[in-house]
Amino acid sequence: MKEEPIKLTGNLSVAGVVMITASSVTPASSIFVIAPLAITSAGSGALISFAIAACIALCLGLCYAELGAAHPSAGGEYIIIRRLFGNLSAIQMYLFITVGTLFIPAVLAVGAIPYLNTALGAHFSPSEAGVLTVLVGGACGLLNIRSSALLTGFFLVVEIAVLLIIAWLGLTHPNQPATIFTAPRMLNGQGLLSPVPLAAIIAMTGTALFSYNGYGSAVAMAEDMPVKGKPMAKAIMLTLLVVVIVEIVPFSALLIGAPSLKEMGASADPVSYILRVLGGPVLARVVSAAIYLSVFNAIIATAMQSSRVIFSSGRDNFWFTRLNQALCLIGKRNGSPWFATLLFTVISAMLAFSSDLEGLTSFTVILLLLVYVAIAAAALISRRRQFAHPYLMPLWPLPPLLALLFCLWVLWTLLLATSLKDYLIVLFVIALGVALWIRHRQSCTTETIQGE
């Protein structure tokens, strides 16, 4: 008799999924990490880049919403790809996502420690304090899913409140006209303000797209919801809406409140420059504390989501028998995949000891784009297969086509400029996927022969 597959307890509401997923995106980190890069490269035209990226994210969000409703599983994207493209593509998708997300908590934690030091006036070591931050955040991910949703929801409210304060600060101290958006300006090589080239705005659109990344990870929470289908689509689109609004409004307010576009462009940290001038040192410390809390919150959310994908791989017999059994262990009291959560947390914490996390993670952008390309392609063919689709995106197939073309263009541009090291890492991940696929086929063949 065939055993029933192990499943997670479904007791998470749409609001709970939105809180966890929006927390994993960390809008505050996007404002303080990605926005300064965009300002340096595209001046006030960076907001146009963010607006274009929001449109592309909407197209991808619709793809995720339709696919997540039609293929609900803790495996998230890789289960979607397996059902539509087969095991080899699914294993590659699993590795792309898992390898990429393993670095996220480590990078976020190490990058957040300077903000913690500013807030407390301390001098914590980024690597050591970063490791502790990842471990504690991962431990919080072991809580009951509803408790975790409440915890991440609380931190998310604090994060949004601080971003609203920043928006209020910029809007109540307008120093720039609205024309900085219709006729954007940036600092040129001679230290003078000049019109922003269209190429610079388009180039930053790819970077801006990454600031919204994470809304699609809601699909990994499907088995935690009591009702499958349309509620998942609703959760994904609500998460994307929250993320876009919470990022674009403070960003535009900061640009309007900038005392000097020239000084802003020359600053190594344009966003912090604006806050220091408009809000003073006290606000700077409050914001620094909020950034650290938002990162801590993101680590909790990422651990919860990623552990479910890892749990699903054990359930699907990706690995060796004992490891598969361990990954499927679910806590009796909290209903969470505790071993998968601990494994993800410990590996990510170890990565925080690295002194060159930025160099180690440059290849993750390529992996992310490959995931986006696969999701857009899946949304194009899913309706042609014999699967029920509780939610159908409007204007199909236009959204997946636009998303596919844009992501392929960004991927091509990135590959032309990437390093040999990044090529080798991506090729290694692909080779590992092929090896796992071969082993998986042999395992399935053996089971079939033994069962005959």
Protein backbone atom coordinates (compact mmCIF):
# COMPACT_ATOMS: atom_id res chain seq x y z
CA MET A 1 0.00 0.00 0.00
CA LYS A 2 1.39 3.43 -0.99
CA GLU A 3 2.16 5.73 1.94
CA GLU A 4 0.51 9.13 2.12
CA PRO A 5 3.00 11.95 1.48
CA ILE A 6 4.10 13.94 4.50
CA LYS A 7 2.40 17.33 4.56
CA LEU A 8 2.63 20.47 6.63
CA THR A 9 -0.18 21.69 8.86
CA GLY A 10 -2.37 24.15 6.98
CA ASN A 11 -3.26 26.93 9.42
CA LEU A 12 -1.79 30.08 7.87
CA SER A 13 -4.03 32.87 6.58
CA VAL A 14 -3.47 35.07 3.53
CA ALA A 15 -2.43 37.89 5.87
CA GLY A 16 0.11 35.58 7.52
CA VAL A 17 1.64 34.65 4.16
CA VAL A 18 1.83 38.33 3.20
CA MET A 19 3.56 39.27 6.47
CA ILE A 20 6.15 36.50 6.19
CA THR A 21 6.84 37.06 2.50
CA ALA A 22 6.98 40.87 2.66
CA SER A 23 9.38 40.50 5.59
CA SER A 24 11.72 38.34 3.49
CA VAL A 25 11.88 41.10 0.86
CA THR A 26 13.09 43.67 3.45
CA PRO A 27 11.92 46.95 1.87
CA ALA A 28 14.10 48.97 4.25
CA SER A 29 17.22 47.15 3.08
CA SER A 30 16.25 47.89 -0.51
CA ILE A 31 15.99 51.61 0.28
CA PHE A 32 19.34 51.73 2.08
CA VAL A 33 21.35 49.26 -0.02
CA ILE A 34 19.98 49.15 -3.57
CA ALA A 35 18.57 52.69 -3.85
CA PRO A 36 21.96 54.38 -3.18
CA LEU A 37 23.52 52.31 -5.97
CA ALA A 38 20.72 53.35 -8.32
CA ILE A 39 21.09 57.03 -7.37
CA THR A 40 24.84 56.93 -7.99
CA SER A 41 24.35 55.36 -11.42
CA ALA A 42 21.18 57.14 -12.61
CA GLY A 43 20.64 60.17 -10.37
CA SER A 44 17.00 61.17 -9.95
CA GLY A 45 16.26 58.93 -12.94
CA ALA A 46 16.59 56.01 -10.53
CA LEU A 47 12.93 56.46 -9.62
CA ILE A 48 11.99 55.88 -13.26
CA SER A 49 14.07 52.68 -13.12
CA PHE A 50 12.15 51.58 -10.03
CA ALA A 51 8.83 52.36 -11.73
CA ILE A 52 9.73 50.33 -14.84
CA ALA A 53 10.96 47.49 -12.61
CA ALA A 54 7.64 47.58 -10.75
CA CYS A 55 5.83 46.98 -14.06
CA ILE A 56 8.08 44.00 -14.84
CA ALA A 57 7.62 42.72 -11.27
CA LEU A 58 3.86 42.96 -11.82
CA CYS A 59 4.19 40.72 -14.89
CA LEU A 60 6.28 38.22 -12.92
CA GLY A 61 3.89 38.47 -9.96
CA LEU A 62 0.98 37.51 -12.20
CA CYS A 63 2.99 34.51 -13.41
CA TYR A 64 3.70 33.45 -9.83
CA ALA A 65 0.05 33.99 -8.84
CA GLU A 66 -1.36 31.80 -11.61
CA LEU A 67 1.28 29.08 -11.19
CA GLY A 68 1.16 29.13 -7.38
CA ALA A 69 -2.61 28.68 -7.42
CA ALA A 70 -2.42 25.83 -9.94
CA HIS A 71 0.54 23.97 -8.39
CA PRO A 72 0.38 24.36 -4.57
CA SER A 73 3.33 22.71 -2.81
CA ALA A 74 5.98 23.46 -0.18
CA GLY A 75 8.50 22.87 -2.96
CA GLY A 76 7.41 26.15 -4.53
CA GLU A 77 9.02 26.93 -7.87
CA TYR A 78 10.78 23.61 -8.34
CA ILE A 79 7.52 21.64 -8.06
CA ILE A 80 5.94 23.96 -10.63
CA ILE A 81 8.85 23.36 -13.00
CA ARG A 82 8.82 19.59 -12.39
CA ARG A 83 5.16 19.30 -13.31
CA LEU A 84 5.64 21.32 -16.49
CA PHE A 85 9.19 20.56 -17.67
CA GLY A 86 10.25 17.33 -15.93
CA ASN A 87 12.72 16.25 -13.24
CA LEU A 88 15.97 17.57 -14.74
CA SER A 89 14.67 21.13 -14.98
CA ALA A 90 13.09 20.81 -11.53
CA ILE A 91 16.35 19.74 -9.89
CA GLN A 92 18.17 22.63 -11.56
CA MET A 93 15.49 25.03 -10.31
CA TYR A 94 15.79 23.61 -6.80
CA LEU A 95 19.56 24.14 -6.77
CA PHE A 96 19.32 27.65 -8.23
CA ILE A 97 16.91 28.68 -5.48
CA THR A 98 18.58 26.87 -2.58
CA VAL A 99 22.14 27.95 -3.41
CA GLY A 100 21.01 31.53 -3.86
CA THR A 101 18.95 31.72 -0.66
CA LEU A 102 21.66 30.11 1.48
CA PHE A 103 23.72 33.29 1.06
CA ILE A 104 20.89 35.73 1.75
CA PRO A 105 20.79 35.57 5.59
CA ALA A 106 24.60 35.67 5.82
CA VAL A 107 24.93 38.66 3.51
CA LEU A 108 22.07 40.53 5.18
CA ALA A 109 23.36 39.85 8.69
CA VAL A 110 26.96 40.90 8.02
CA GLY A 111 25.76 44.00 6.20
CA ALA A 112 23.39 44.94 9.03
CA ILE A 113 25.92 44.87 11.88
CA PRO A 114 27.33 48.36 11.08
CA TYR A 115 23.77 49.69 11.46
CA LEU A 116 23.48 47.88 14.80
CA ASN A 117 26.75 49.47 15.89
CA THR A 118 25.45 52.91 14.88
CA ALA A 119 22.19 52.40 16.75
CA LEU A 120 23.85 51.18 19.97
CA GLY A 121 27.16 53.04 19.72
CA ALA A 122 28.88 49.64 19.84
CA HIS A 123 31.73 47.99 17.94
CA PHE A 124 30.53 44.45 17.25
CA SER A 125 32.49 42.33 14.79
CA PRO A 126 30.44 41.99 11.57
CA SER A 127 31.32 38.31 11.12
CA GLU A 128 30.83 37.17 14.72
CA ALA A 129 27.71 39.24 15.37
CA GLY A 130 26.46 38.27 11.92
CA VAL A 131 26.73 34.57 12.75
CA LEU A 132 24.80 35.10 16.00
CA THR A 133 22.12 37.09 14.16
CA VAL A 134 21.61 34.29 11.62
CA LEU A 135 21.47 31.61 14.34
CA VAL A 136 18.93 33.49 16.47
CA GLY A 137 16.83 34.40 13.44
CA GLY A 138 16.84 30.80 12.24
CA ALA A 139 15.84 29.61 15.72
CA CYS A 140 12.82 31.94 15.58
CA GLY A 141 11.92 30.24 12.31
CA LEU A 142 11.34 27.04 14.30
CA LEU A 143 8.28 28.53 15.98
CA ASN A 144 4.75 27.51 15.12
CA ILE A 145 3.97 29.03 11.71
CA ARG A 146 1.23 31.27 13.10
CA SER A 147 3.50 32.49 15.90
CA SER A 148 6.24 33.16 13.37
CA ALA A 149 3.79 35.08 11.20
CA LEU A 150 2.83 37.27 14.16
CA LEU A 151 6.49 37.88 15.03
CA THR A 152 7.46 38.80 11.48
CA GLY A 153 4.30 40.87 11.19
CA PHE A 154 5.29 42.92 14.25
CA PHE A 155 8.76 43.61 12.89
CA LEU A 156 7.28 44.42 9.47
CA VAL A 157 4.98 47.03 11.03
CA VAL A 158 8.00 48.64 12.73
CA GLU A 159 9.90 48.61 9.44
CA ILE A 160 7.03 50.20 7.52
CA ALA A 161 6.51 52.79 10.26
CA VAL A 162 10.12 53.94 9.95
CA LEU A 163 9.85 54.09 6.16
CA LEU A 164 6.69 56.19 6.55
CA ILE A 165 8.62 58.57 8.82
CA ILE A 166 11.28 58.84 6.13
CA ALA A 167 8.58 59.54 3.52
CA TRP A 168 7.02 62.20 5.75
CA LEU A 169 10.42 63.79 6.30
CA GLY A 170 11.06 64.12 2.58
CA LEU A 171 7.56 65.27 1.63
CA THR A 172 7.41 67.92 4.37
CA HIS A 173 10.85 69.30 3.41
CA PRO A 174 10.58 69.58 -0.39
CA ASN A 175 13.83 70.95 -1.76
CA GLN A 176 13.51 69.71 -5.33
CA PRO A 177 10.84 70.32 -8.00
CA ALA A 178 8.81 67.51 -9.53
CA THR A 179 10.76 68.04 -12.75
CA ILE A 180 13.63 65.99 -11.31
CA PHE A 181 11.51 62.98 -12.31
CA THR A 182 10.29 64.21 -15.71
CA ALA A 183 13.72 65.63 -16.62
CA PRO A 184 16.06 63.58 -14.38
CA ARG A 185 19.53 64.85 -13.52
CA MET A 186 22.70 63.16 -12.32
CA LEU A 187 26.30 64.01 -11.49
CA ASN A 188 28.60 63.61 -14.49
CA GLY A 189 32.34 62.91 -14.62
CA GLN A 190 33.16 66.62 -14.32
CA GLY A 191 31.21 66.94 -11.07
CA LEU A 192 28.35 68.85 -12.72
CA LEU A 193 24.65 68.03 -13.01
CA SER A 194 23.60 66.81 -16.45
CA PRO A 195 20.62 65.00 -18.01
CA VAL A 196 20.45 61.29 -17.24
CA PRO A 197 21.04 59.13 -20.36
CA LEU A 198 18.21 56.74 -21.18
CA ALA A 199 20.77 53.91 -21.19
CA ALA A 200 21.58 54.59 -17.51
CA ILE A 201 17.90 54.43 -16.55
CA ILE A 202 17.38 51.17 -18.44
CA ALA A 203 20.57 49.67 -16.99
CA MET A 204 19.39 50.38 -13.45
CA THR A 205 16.01 48.77 -14.14
CA GLY A 206 17.57 45.34 -13.69
CA THR A 207 19.04 46.37 -10.35
CA ALA A 208 15.73 47.87 -9.25
CA LEU A 209 13.95 44.62 -10.13
CA PHE A 210 16.06 42.81 -7.53
CA SER A 211 14.89 45.25 -4.84
CA TYR A 212 11.39 43.76 -5.18
CA ASN A 213 12.59 40.15 -5.32
CA GLY A 214 11.02 37.74 -2.84
CA TYR A 215 7.27 38.12 -3.39
CA GLY A 216 7.23 34.89 -5.41
CA SER A 217 8.64 32.89 -2.50
CA ALA A 218 5.12 32.90 -1.05
CA VAL A 219 4.46 29.80 -3.18
CA ALA A 220 6.57 27.78 -0.71
CA MET A 221 3.95 28.48 1.99
CA ALA A 222 1.13 26.80 0.02
CA GLU A 223 0.88 23.74 2.27
CA ASP A 224 0.68 25.99 5.33
CA MET A 225 -2.61 27.43 4.05
CA PRO A 226 -5.91 25.63 4.76
CA VAL A 227 -7.37 26.61 1.37
CA LYS A 228 -5.31 26.21 -1.80
CA GLY A 229 -5.72 28.02 -5.10
CA LYS A 230 -6.99 31.60 -5.25
CA PRO A 231 -5.88 32.55 -1.69
CA MET A 232 -2.26 31.92 -2.75
CA ALA A 233 -2.66 34.13 -5.83
CA LYS A 234 -4.15 36.83 -3.61
CA ALA A 235 -1.27 36.55 -1.13
CA ILE A 236 1.36 36.92 -3.87
CA MET A 237 -0.23 39.98 -5.46
CA LEU A 238 -0.88 41.64 -2.08
CA THR A 239 2.75 41.07 -1.10
CA LEU A 240 3.97 42.64 -4.33
CA LEU A 241 1.64 45.63 -3.84
CA VAL A 242 2.89 46.20 -0.29
CA VAL A 243 6.54 45.91 -1.32
CA VAL A 244 6.27 48.28 -4.29
CA ILE A 245 4.38 50.97 -2.35
CA VAL A 246 6.61 50.73 0.71
CA GLU A 247 9.73 51.12 -1.45
CA ILE A 248 8.70 53.67 -4.09
CA VAL A 249 6.94 56.19 -1.80
CA PRO A 250 9.88 56.74 0.63
CA PHE A 251 12.35 56.66 -2.26
CA SER A 252 10.55 59.39 -4.20
CA ALA A 253 10.10 61.43 -0.99
CA LEU A 254 13.83 61.24 -0.27
CA LEU A 255 14.67 62.52 -3.75
CA ILE A 256 12.21 65.41 -3.40
CA GLY A 257 13.68 66.27 0.01
CA ALA A 258 17.32 66.13 -1.11
CA PRO A 259 18.91 69.49 -0.12
CA SER A 260 21.30 69.30 -3.08
CA LEU A 261 21.29 66.91 -6.03
CA LYS A 262 24.97 67.65 -6.55
CA GLU A 263 25.96 66.78 -2.98
CA MET A 264 23.64 63.77 -3.03
CA GLY A 265 25.29 62.46 -6.20
CA ALA A 266 28.77 63.00 -4.78
CA SER A 267 27.98 61.25 -1.48
CA ALA A 268 29.16 57.67 -0.95
CA ASP A 269 25.81 56.99 0.76
CA PRO A 270 23.19 59.31 -0.81
CA VAL A 271 20.26 58.11 1.31
CA SER A 272 22.09 58.52 4.63
CA TYR A 273 23.25 61.97 3.48
CA ILE A 274 19.64 63.10 2.97
CA LEU A 275 18.54 61.69 6.34
CA ARG A 276 21.42 63.32 8.23
CA VAL A 277 20.65 66.73 6.76
CA LEU A 278 16.88 66.56 7.17
CA GLY A 279 16.50 64.51 10.35
CA GLY A 280 19.66 64.85 12.43
CA PRO A 281 21.70 62.24 14.34
CA VAL A 282 18.84 60.96 16.53
CA LEU A 283 16.75 59.95 13.55
CA ALA A 284 19.83 58.39 11.97
CA ARG A 285 20.21 56.11 15.01
CA VAL A 286 16.51 55.21 15.01
CA VAL A 287 16.64 54.36 11.32
CA SER A 288 19.81 52.30 11.85
CA ALA A 289 18.03 50.26 14.54
CA ALA A 290 15.07 49.74 12.22
CA ILE A 291 17.34 48.52 9.42
CA TYR A 292 18.90 45.93 11.71
CA LEU A 293 15.45 44.76 12.89
CA SER A 294 14.23 44.52 9.29
CA VAL A 295 17.21 42.34 8.42
CA PHE A 296 16.63 40.14 11.46
CA ASN A 297 13.01 39.84 10.38
CA ALA A 298 14.07 38.89 6.86
CA ILE A 299 16.29 36.13 8.23
CA ILE A 300 13.36 34.63 10.14
CA ALA A 301 11.14 34.73 7.06
CA THR A 302 13.83 33.37 4.74
CA ALA A 303 14.57 30.48 7.10
CA MET A 304 10.89 29.55 7.24
CA GLN A 305 10.40 29.67 3.48
CA SER A 306 13.66 28.00 2.48
CA SER A 307 13.28 25.21 5.04
CA ARG A 308 10.01 24.23 3.40
CA VAL A 309 11.68 23.93 0.00
CA ILE A 310 14.44 21.80 1.56
CA PHE A 311 11.82 19.71 3.38
CA SER A 312 10.07 19.12 0.06
CA SER A 313 13.31 17.87 -1.53
CA GLY A 314 13.59 15.21 1.17
CA ARG A 315 9.97 14.23 0.64
CA ASP A 316 10.72 13.84 -3.08
CA ASN A 317 13.79 11.63 -2.37
CA PHE A 318 16.38 13.98 -3.84
CA TRP A 319 19.11 12.75 -1.54
CA PHE A 320 20.21 9.61 0.28
CA THR A 321 17.64 7.71 2.32
CA ARG A 322 18.73 8.83 5.80
CA LEU A 323 19.07 12.47 4.76
CA ASN A 324 15.66 12.35 3.08
CA GLN A 325 14.14 10.98 6.27
CA ALA A 326 15.82 13.67 8.39
CA LEU A 327 14.66 16.48 6.11
CA CYS A 328 11.08 15.24 6.46
CA LEU A 329 11.11 15.47 10.27
CA ILE A 330 8.30 17.75 11.48
CA GLY A 331 7.96 19.00 15.05
CA LYS A 332 4.92 17.59 16.83
CA ARG A 333 4.24 20.80 18.74
CA ASN A 334 5.04 23.47 16.17
CA GLY A 335 4.36 21.61 12.92
CA SER A 336 7.54 23.01 11.34
CA PRO A 337 10.24 21.05 9.44
CA TRP A 338 12.76 21.51 12.24
CA PHE A 339 15.72 19.58 10.80
CA ALA A 340 15.48 21.35 7.43
CA THR A 341 15.29 24.70 9.25
CA LEU A 342 18.34 23.93 11.40
CA LEU A 343 20.34 22.68 8.41
CA PHE A 344 19.60 25.83 6.41
CA THR A 345 20.38 28.08 9.40
CA VAL A 346 23.69 26.44 10.32
CA ILE A 347 25.03 26.46 6.74
CA SER A 348 24.01 30.08 6.24
CA ALA A 349 25.56 31.07 9.59
CA MET A 350 28.85 29.43 8.57
CA LEU A 351 28.85 31.53 5.38
CA ALA A 352 28.73 34.67 7.53
CA PHE A 353 32.35 33.98 8.55
CA SER A 354 33.48 34.69 4.98
CA SER A 355 35.42 37.90 4.47
CA ASP A 356 34.28 38.29 0.85
CA LEU A 357 30.55 37.70 0.84
CA GLU A 358 30.00 40.24 -1.92
CA GLY A 359 32.36 38.33 -4.19
CA LEU A 360 30.80 35.01 -3.26
CA THR A 361 27.28 36.19 -4.00
CA SER A 362 27.76 38.02 -7.30
CA PHE A 363 26.70 34.86 -9.14
CA THR A 364 23.35 34.71 -7.31
CA VAL A 365 21.97 37.43 -9.59
CA ILE A 366 22.49 35.09 -12.55
CA LEU A 367 20.73 32.27 -10.69
CA LEU A 368 17.82 34.57 -9.85
CA LEU A 369 17.38 35.60 -13.48
CA LEU A 370 17.42 31.95 -14.56
CA VAL A 371 14.61 31.32 -12.06
CA TYR A 372 12.62 34.25 -13.45
CA VAL A 373 13.09 33.03 -17.03
CA ALA A 374 11.85 29.56 -16.06
CA ILE A 375 8.79 30.94 -14.23
CA ALA A 376 7.83 33.16 -17.17
CA ALA A 377 8.22 30.22 -19.58
CA ALA A 378 6.15 28.01 -17.26
CA ALA A 379 3.35 30.59 -17.20
CA LEU A 380 3.27 30.49 -21.00
CA ILE A 381 2.68 26.73 -21.24
CA SER A 382 0.87 25.84 -17.99
CA ARG A 383 -2.61 26.47 -19.43
CA ARG A 384 -1.88 24.06 -22.27
CA ARG A 385 -1.39 21.19 -19.80
CA GLN A 386 -4.12 19.26 -18.01
CA PHE A 387 -3.99 21.16 -14.73
CA ALA A 388 -6.76 23.06 -12.98
CA HIS A 389 -6.11 26.81 -12.81
CA PRO A 390 -8.16 28.37 -9.99
CA TYR A 391 -6.72 31.79 -10.87
CA LEU A 392 -6.13 33.09 -14.41
CA MET A 393 -4.04 36.21 -14.92
CA PRO A 394 -5.51 39.01 -17.05
CA LEU A 395 -4.11 39.76 -20.53
CA TRP A 396 -2.38 36.37 -20.84
CA PRO A 397 0.05 35.72 -22.56
CA LEU A 398 1.30 39.33 -22.55
CA PRO A 399 2.61 39.45 -18.91
CA PRO A 400 4.79 36.29 -19.16
CA LEU A 401 6.04 37.32 -22.60
CA LEU A 402 7.12 40.76 -21.37
CA ALA A 403 8.74 39.25 -18.26
CA LEU A 404 10.55 36.60 -20.32
CA LEU A 405 11.95 39.06 -22.85
CA PHE A 406 13.08 41.54 -20.20
CA CYS A 407 14.76 38.89 -18.02
CA LEU A 408 16.53 37.35 -21.02
CA TRP A 409 17.82 40.77 -22.02
CA VAL A 410 19.11 41.53 -18.50
CA LEU A 411 20.63 38.04 -18.25
CA TRP A 412 22.42 38.46 -21.59
CA THR A 413 23.75 41.88 -20.55
CA LEU A 414 24.96 40.44 -17.24
CA LEU A 415 26.64 37.41 -18.81
CA LEU A 416 28.63 39.66 -21.13
CA ALA A 417 30.17 41.41 -18.13
CA THR A 418 30.42 38.57 -15.59
CA SER A 419 33.66 37.07 -14.32
CA LEU A 420 35.08 33.63 -15.08
CA LYS A 421 34.58 32.69 -11.42
CA ASP A 422 30.84 33.31 -11.67
CA TYR A 423 30.65 31.25 -14.86
CA LEU A 424 32.43 28.36 -13.14
CA ILE A 425 30.14 28.50 -10.08
CA VAL A 426 26.98 28.50 -12.20
CA LEU A 427 28.33 25.66 -14.35
CA PHE A 428 29.17 23.69 -11.19
CA VAL A 429 25.60 24.13 -9.92
CA ILE A 430 24.26 22.94 -13.28
CA ALA A 431 26.63 19.94 -13.29
CA LEU A 432 25.54 19.05 -9.74
CA GLY A 433 21.94 19.17 -10.91
CA VAL A 434 22.66 16.78 -13.78
CA ALA A 435 24.43 14.39 -11.37
CA LEU A 436 21.47 14.46 -8.96
CA TRP A 437 19.08 13.87 -11.86
CA ILE A 438 21.05 10.80 -13.01
CA ARG A 439 21.08 9.42 -9.47
CA HIS A 440 17.36 10.14 -9.12
CA ARG A 441 16.60 8.25 -12.34
CA GLN A 442 18.67 5.26 -11.22
CA SER A 443 16.92 5.26 -7.85
CA CYS A 444 13.48 5.34 -9.48
CA THR A 445 14.48 2.54 -11.87
CA THR A 446 15.72 0.38 -8.99
CA GLU A 447 12.51 0.92 -7.04
CA THR A 448 10.46 -0.04 -10.11
CA ILE A 449 12.43 -3.26 -10.67
CA GLN A 450 12.17 -4.21 -7.00
CA GLY A 451 8.45 -3.60 -7.03
CA GLU A 452 7.76 -5.79 -10.05
